[in-house]
Amino acid sequence: MCGHPGDDGKGRGLMQAHLVPHSEGGDDNANNIVLLCRTCHAKYDAGQRHRSHP
């Protein structure tokens, strides 16, 4: 989980990020999803966080 449990500190809720992206064969199974705030999700998608970030 990122450092903003529940929201990103700006009143916006968490977003679903895929551990294995759809483009790499990932699915929408709960085992392939992690909840992140908007900021951490953007960093994660940009490759700034390791793919195993819980």
Protein backbone atom coordinates (compact mmCIF):
# COMPACT_ATOMS: atom_id res chain seq x y z
CA MET A 1 0.00 0.00 0.00
CA CYS A 2 1.22 3.49 -0.65
CA GLY A 3 1.71 6.04 2.11
CA HIS A 4 -1.79 7.52 1.80
CA PRO A 5 -4.26 4.91 3.10
CA GLY A 6 -7.81 5.70 2.03
CA ASP A 7 -7.01 8.61 -0.28
CA ASP A 8 -4.16 10.71 -1.65
CA GLY A 9 -4.43 13.41 1.00
CA LYS A 10 -6.46 15.60 -1.36
CA GLY A 11 -9.81 13.89 -0.88
CA ARG A 12 -9.47 11.63 -3.90
CA GLY A 13 -9.93 7.89 -3.43
CA LEU A 14 -7.55 5.07 -4.21
CA MET A 15 -7.04 3.66 -7.70
CA GLN A 16 -6.48 0.11 -8.88
CA ALA A 17 -3.04 -0.63 -10.31
CA HIS A 18 -2.24 -3.92 -12.02
CA LEU A 19 0.87 -5.79 -10.87
CA VAL A 20 1.10 -7.39 -14.30
CA PRO A 21 -0.30 -4.89 -16.84
CA HIS A 22 -2.90 -5.95 -19.39
CA SER A 23 -0.28 -5.28 -22.08
CA GLU A 24 1.88 -8.02 -20.52
CA GLY A 25 -0.93 -10.55 -20.17
CA GLY A 26 -2.24 -9.47 -16.77
CA ASP A 27 -5.90 -9.75 -15.86
CA ASP A 28 -8.35 -8.08 -13.47
CA ASN A 29 -8.08 -10.84 -10.85
CA ALA A 30 -7.81 -9.53 -7.27
CA ASN A 31 -4.37 -11.18 -7.01
CA ASN A 32 -3.14 -8.87 -9.78
CA ILE A 33 -4.43 -5.60 -8.31
CA VAL A 34 -3.03 -3.24 -5.70
CA LEU A 35 -4.65 -0.03 -4.43
CA LEU A 36 -2.62 3.15 -4.73
CA CYS A 37 -3.30 6.86 -4.41
CA ARG A 38 -3.37 8.84 -7.66
CA THR A 39 0.23 10.08 -7.21
CA CYS A 40 1.70 6.65 -6.46
CA HIS A 41 -0.34 5.10 -9.30
CA ALA A 42 1.12 7.59 -11.78
CA LYS A 43 4.64 6.86 -10.52
CA TYR A 44 3.98 3.12 -10.63
CA ASP A 45 2.74 3.28 -14.23
CA ALA A 46 5.76 5.39 -15.17
CA GLY A 47 8.04 2.63 -13.86
CA GLN A 48 9.23 4.55 -10.83
CA ARG A 49 8.10 1.79 -8.47
CA HIS A 50 9.09 -1.86 -8.59
CA ARG A 51 6.35 -4.07 -10.06
CA SER A 52 6.05 -6.04 -6.81
CA HIS A 53 5.11 -2.92 -4.79
CA PRO A 54 2.33 -4.23 -2.56
